[in-house]
C-alpha atoms as a PDB file:
ATOM      1  CA  MET A   1      41.832 -33.376 -24.087  1.00  0.00           C
ATOM      2  CA  SER A   2      40.628 -36.469 -23.110  1.00  0.00           C
ATOM      3  CA  LEU A   3      36.930 -37.654 -22.072  1.00  0.00           C
ATOM      4  CA  ASP A   4      38.735 -39.627 -19.167  1.00  0.00           C
ATOM      5  CA  LYS A   5      38.768 -36.473 -17.788  1.00  0.00           C
ATOM      6  CA  PHE A   6      35.219 -36.214 -17.421  1.00  0.00           C
ATOM      7  CA  LYS A   7      32.888 -37.813 -15.071  1.00  0.00           C
ATOM      8  CA  ILE A   8      31.350 -39.849 -17.862  1.00  0.00           C
ATOM      9  CA  SER A   9      30.512 -43.328 -18.574  1.00  0.00           C
ATOM     10  CA  ALA A  10      28.994 -44.741 -21.883  1.00  0.00           C
ATOM     11  CA  LYS A  11      25.886 -45.812 -19.608  1.00  0.00           C
ATOM     12  CA  ALA A  12      25.285 -42.526 -18.283  1.00  0.00           C
ATOM     13  CA  VAL A  13      25.475 -41.350 -21.998  1.00  0.00           C
ATOM     14  CA  GLU A  14      23.021 -44.332 -22.928  1.00  0.00           C
ATOM     15  CA  LYS A  15      20.933 -43.665 -20.464  1.00  0.00           C
ATOM     16  CA  GLN A  16      20.124 -39.934 -21.371  1.00  0.00           C
ATOM     17  CA  ALA A  17      20.164 -40.469 -24.789  1.00  0.00           C
ATOM     18  CA  LYS A  18      17.287 -43.267 -24.355  1.00  0.00           C
ATOM     19  CA  ILE A  19      15.231 -40.752 -22.491  1.00  0.00           C
ATOM     20  CA  LEU A  20      15.798 -38.246 -25.309  1.00  0.00           C
ATOM     21  CA  PHE A  21      14.865 -40.960 -27.886  1.00  0.00           C
ATOM     22  CA  LYS A  22      11.750 -42.841 -26.213  1.00  0.00           C
ATOM     23  CA  HIS A  23       9.935 -39.702 -26.889  1.00  0.00           C
ATOM     24  CA  LEU A  24      10.932 -39.696 -30.544  1.00  0.00           C
ATOM     25  CA  ASP A  25      11.060 -43.053 -31.491  1.00  0.00           C
ATOM     26  CA  PRO A  26      11.173 -45.956 -28.844  1.00  0.00           C
ATOM     27  CA  ASP A  27      12.351 -48.445 -31.760  1.00  0.00           C
ATOM     28  CA  ALA A  28      15.801 -46.282 -32.348  1.00  0.00           C
ATOM     29  CA  LEU A  29      19.001 -48.055 -32.295  1.00  0.00           C
ATOM     30  CA  LEU A  30      21.737 -45.950 -30.290  1.00  0.00           C
ATOM     31  CA  GLU A  31      25.509 -46.632 -31.249  1.00  0.00           C
ATOM     32  CA  ILE A  32      27.535 -45.044 -28.400  1.00  0.00           C
ATOM     33  CA  THR A  33      31.412 -44.645 -28.830  1.00  0.00           C
ATOM     34  CA  LEU A  34      33.532 -42.657 -26.212  1.00  0.00           C
ATOM     35  CA  ASP A  35      36.730 -41.580 -28.565  1.00  0.00           C
ATOM     36  CA  ASP A  36      39.617 -39.785 -27.244  1.00  0.00           C
ATOM     37  CA  ASN A  37      38.226 -36.351 -27.149  1.00  0.00           C
ATOM     38  CA  ILE A  38      34.776 -37.033 -27.974  1.00  0.00           C
ATOM     39  CA  CYS A  39      31.304 -38.841 -27.552  1.00  0.00           C
ATOM     40  CA  ARG A  40      29.800 -40.283 -30.504  1.00  0.00           C
ATOM     41  CA  ILE A  41      25.923 -41.485 -30.973  1.00  0.00           C
ATOM     42  CA  ASN A  42      24.951 -42.670 -34.076  1.00  0.00           C
ATOM     43  CA  VAL A  43      21.135 -43.450 -34.200  1.00  0.00           C
ATOM     44  CA  GLU A  44      19.600 -45.986 -36.740  1.00  0.00           C
ATOM     45  CA  THR A  45      15.802 -45.534 -37.037  1.00  0.00           C
ATOM     46  CA  GLU A  46      12.888 -45.486 -39.520  1.00  0.00           C
ATOM     47  CA  THR A  47      11.887 -42.136 -39.108  1.00  0.00           C
ATOM     48  CA  SER A  48      15.483 -41.367 -39.718  1.00  0.00           C
ATOM     49  CA  GLY A  49      14.380 -38.332 -42.100  1.00  0.00           C
ATOM     50  CA  LEU A  50      12.274 -36.587 -39.311  1.00  0.00           C
ATOM     51  CA  LEU A  51      15.319 -36.482 -37.009  1.00  0.00           C
ATOM     52  CA  ILE A  52      17.910 -35.194 -39.061  1.00  0.00           C
ATOM     53  CA  GLY A  53      14.894 -32.451 -40.596  1.00  0.00           C
ATOM     54  CA  ARG A  54      15.552 -29.717 -43.207  1.00  0.00           C
ATOM     55  CA  HIS A  55      19.435 -29.134 -43.578  1.00  0.00           C
ATOM     56  CA  GLY A  56      19.819 -30.997 -40.413  1.00  0.00           C
ATOM     57  CA  GLU A  57      18.381 -28.311 -38.335  1.00  0.00           C
ATOM     58  CA  THR A  58      16.306 -30.832 -36.350  1.00  0.00           C
ATOM     59  CA  LEU A  59      19.483 -33.075 -35.971  1.00  0.00           C
ATOM     60  CA  GLU A  60      21.584 -30.128 -34.469  1.00  0.00           C
ATOM     61  CA  ALA A  61      18.588 -28.910 -31.563  1.00  0.00           C
ATOM     62  CA  LEU A  62      18.745 -32.560 -31.084  1.00  0.00           C
ATOM     63  CA  GLN A  63      22.575 -32.514 -30.088  1.00  0.00           C
ATOM     64  CA  HIS A  64      22.281 -29.571 -28.411  1.00  0.00           C
ATOM     65  CA  ILE A  65      18.993 -30.586 -25.959  1.00  0.00           C
ATOM     66  CA  LEU A  66      21.056 -34.198 -25.384  1.00  0.00           C
ATOM     67  CA  ARG A  67      24.517 -32.044 -24.703  1.00  0.00           C
ATOM     68  CA  LEU A  68      22.229 -29.866 -22.064  1.00  0.00           C
ATOM     69  CA  MET A  69      20.777 -33.105 -20.443  1.00  0.00           C
ATOM     70  CA  LEU A  70      24.564 -34.643 -20.437  1.00  0.00           C
ATOM     71  CA  ALA A  71      25.691 -31.356 -18.572  1.00  0.00           C
ATOM     72  CA  LYS A  72      22.880 -31.660 -15.962  1.00  0.00           C
ATOM     73  CA  GLU A  73      23.670 -34.691 -15.060  1.00  0.00           C
ATOM     74  CA  CYS A  74      27.452 -34.473 -15.416  1.00  0.00           C
ATOM     75  CA  GLU A  75      27.735 -30.998 -13.972  1.00  0.00           C
ATOM     76  CA  GLU A  76      30.267 -30.223 -17.104  1.00  0.00           C
ATOM     77  CA  PHE A  77      30.306 -29.996 -20.492  1.00  0.00           C
ATOM     78  CA  ILE A  78      30.527 -33.178 -22.943  1.00  0.00           C
ATOM     79  CA  PRO A  79      31.761 -32.971 -26.637  1.00  0.00           C
ATOM     80  CA  LEU A  80      29.349 -34.646 -28.385  1.00  0.00           C
ATOM     81  CA  CYS A  81      28.675 -35.632 -31.763  1.00  0.00           C
ATOM     82  CA  LEU A  82      24.934 -36.917 -32.676  1.00  0.00           C
ATOM     83  CA  ASP A  83      24.461 -38.588 -35.747  1.00  0.00           C
ATOM     84  CA  VAL A  84      21.238 -39.996 -37.583  1.00  0.00           C
ATOM     85  CA  ALA A  85      21.813 -42.935 -40.415  1.00  0.00           C
ATOM     86  CA  GLY A  86      25.350 -41.332 -41.075  1.00  0.00           C
ATOM     87  CA  TYR A  87      23.680 -38.046 -42.194  1.00  0.00           C
ATOM     88  CA  ARG A  88      26.758 -36.031 -40.923  1.00  0.00           C
ATOM     89  CA  GLU A  89      29.586 -38.137 -42.570  1.00  0.00           C
ATOM     90  CA  LEU A  90      27.394 -38.164 -45.667  1.00  0.00           C
ATOM     91  CA  ARG A  91      26.977 -34.592 -45.347  1.00  0.00           C
ATOM     92  CA  ALA A  92      30.948 -34.188 -45.145  1.00  0.00           C
ATOM     93  CA  ARG A  93      31.443 -35.985 -48.502  1.00  0.00           C
ATOM     94  CA  GLU A  94      28.982 -33.984 -50.318  1.00  0.00           C
ATOM     95  CA  ILE A  95      30.394 -30.537 -48.762  1.00  0.00           C
ATOM     96  CA  GLU A  96      34.023 -31.316 -49.775  1.00  0.00           C
ATOM     97  CA  GLU A  97      33.292 -32.489 -52.975  1.00  0.00           C
ATOM     98  CA  MET A  98      30.990 -29.148 -53.693  1.00  0.00           C
ATOM     99  CA  THR A  99      33.567 -27.323 -51.994  1.00  0.00           C
ATOM    100  CA  LYS A 100      36.546 -28.524 -54.723  1.00  0.00           C
ATOM    101  CA  LYS A 101      34.410 -28.475 -57.551  1.00  0.00           C
ATOM    102  CA  ALA A 102      34.001 -24.830 -57.027  1.00  0.00           C
ATOM    103  CA  ALA A 103      37.795 -24.410 -56.295  1.00  0.00           C
ATOM    104  CA  GLN A 104      38.377 -26.177 -59.466  1.00  0.00           C
ATOM    105  CA  LYS A 105      36.221 -23.588 -61.319  1.00  0.00           C
ATOM    106  CA  VAL A 106      37.731 -20.520 -59.469  1.00  0.00           C
ATOM    107  CA  ILE A 107      41.072 -21.864 -60.743  1.00  0.00           C
ATOM    108  CA  ALA A 108      40.526 -22.530 -64.265  1.00  0.00           C
ATOM    109  CA  PHE A 109      38.241 -19.374 -64.794  1.00  0.00           C
ATOM    110  CA  GLY A 110      39.175 -16.949 -62.470  1.00  0.00           C
ATOM    111  CA  SER A 111      35.803 -16.534 -61.188  1.00  0.00           C
ATOM    112  CA  VAL A 112      34.497 -16.092 -57.852  1.00  0.00           C
ATOM    113  CA  GLU A 113      32.493 -18.832 -56.519  1.00  0.00           C
ATOM    114  CA  ALA A 114      29.769 -19.025 -53.709  1.00  0.00           C
ATOM    115  CA  LEU A 115      28.441 -21.848 -52.153  1.00  0.00           C
ATOM    116  CA  PRO A 116      25.206 -22.385 -50.703  1.00  0.00           C
ATOM    117  CA  PRO A 117      24.523 -20.850 -47.053  1.00  0.00           C
ATOM    118  CA  MET A 118      25.273 -23.325 -44.525  1.00  0.00           C
ATOM    119  CA  GLY A 119      25.924 -23.593 -40.708  1.00  0.00           C
ATOM    120  CA  ALA A 120      28.927 -23.111 -38.628  1.00  0.00           C
ATOM    121  CA  TYR A 121      29.903 -26.420 -38.694  1.00  0.00           C
ATOM    122  CA  GLU A 122      29.654 -27.310 -42.485  1.00  0.00           C
ATOM    123  CA  ARG A 123      31.290 -23.752 -43.248  1.00  0.00           C
ATOM    124  CA  ARG A 124      34.122 -25.297 -40.987  1.00  0.00           C
ATOM    125  CA  LEU A 125      34.273 -28.578 -43.122  1.00  0.00           C
ATOM    126  CA  ALA A 126      34.025 -26.574 -46.720  1.00  0.00           C
ATOM    127  CA  HIS A 127      37.039 -24.135 -45.092  1.00  0.00           C
ATOM    128  CA  MET A 128      39.133 -27.528 -43.972  1.00  0.00           C
ATOM    129  CA  ALA A 129      38.390 -28.789 -47.647  1.00  0.00           C
ATOM    130  CA  LEU A 130      40.115 -25.672 -49.154  1.00  0.00           C
ATOM    131  CA  GLN A 131      43.320 -25.832 -47.004  1.00  0.00           C
ATOM    132  CA  GLY A 132      44.481 -28.393 -48.995  1.00  0.00           C
ATOM    133  CA  ILE A 133      44.076 -26.597 -52.370  1.00  0.00           C
ATOM    134  CA  ASP A 134      46.548 -24.432 -53.855  1.00  0.00           C
ATOM    135  CA  GLY A 135      45.706 -20.753 -54.855  1.00  0.00           C
ATOM    136  CA  VAL A 136      42.201 -20.127 -53.682  1.00  0.00           C
ATOM    137  CA  GLU A 137      41.168 -18.942 -50.271  1.00  0.00           C
ATOM    138  CA  GLY A 138      37.352 -18.933 -48.879  1.00  0.00           C
ATOM    139  CA  ILE A 139      35.908 -16.276 -47.021  1.00  0.00           C
ATOM    140  CA  SER A 140      32.617 -16.501 -45.012  1.00  0.00           C
ATOM    141  CA  GLU A 141      30.166 -13.546 -45.911  1.00  0.00           C
ATOM    142  CA  GLY A 142      26.632 -12.628 -44.754  1.00  0.00           C
ATOM    143  CA  GLU A 143      24.379 -13.446 -41.843  1.00  0.00           C
ATOM    144  CA  ALA A 144      22.914 -16.510 -40.333  1.00  0.00           C
ATOM    145  CA  PRO A 145      21.139 -18.182 -41.793  1.00  0.00           C
ATOM    146  CA  TYR A 146      22.144 -17.136 -44.868  1.00  0.00           C
ATOM    147  CA  ARG A 147      26.378 -16.986 -44.047  1.00  0.00           C
ATOM    148  CA  ARG A 148      28.078 -18.881 -46.831  1.00  0.00           C
ATOM    149  CA  ILE A 149      31.393 -19.309 -48.254  1.00  0.00           C
ATOM    150  CA  VAL A 150      33.178 -17.582 -51.081  1.00  0.00           C
ATOM    151  CA  ILE A 151      35.660 -19.077 -52.975  1.00  0.00           C
ATOM    152  CA  ARG A 152      38.050 -16.839 -54.948  1.00  0.00           C
ATOM    153  CA  LYS A 153      42.083 -16.954 -56.231  1.00  0.00           C
ATOM    154  CA  LYS A 154      44.138 -15.502 -53.379  1.00  0.00           C
ATOM    155  CA  LYS A 155      45.902 -12.310 -53.976  1.00  0.00           C
END
């Protein structure tokens, strides 16, 4: 899938993002890139903590709002990734490290390790990190917002 098939331009994305962020932080700097299959927006601001929110919840909500704004303008769903001050990349590295450490404990001690509750995207990142580790598997358990990954030895 390529963004070429969508009726979207960087200017259209920038226009909608500016409309949203003028209410939150008029001085925010937006960096927009249109990759082959996703539109990425990175926001640099002094109020990044407020825009990210607890466990990235505010960031997820802002991404959803911006996705709806773009869908209304373009009359179709646009794949979008909104990031503030590189939070998503940093969080992805943290999840990968946490998952690998837990998997090492499972391999070394034969125990079962539960990761903390995470959203769907973060659980996906943890599952992807586990794919490269032989001998362990991850299973999502629980109900949102307490859904977590449990790592155990493969049967």
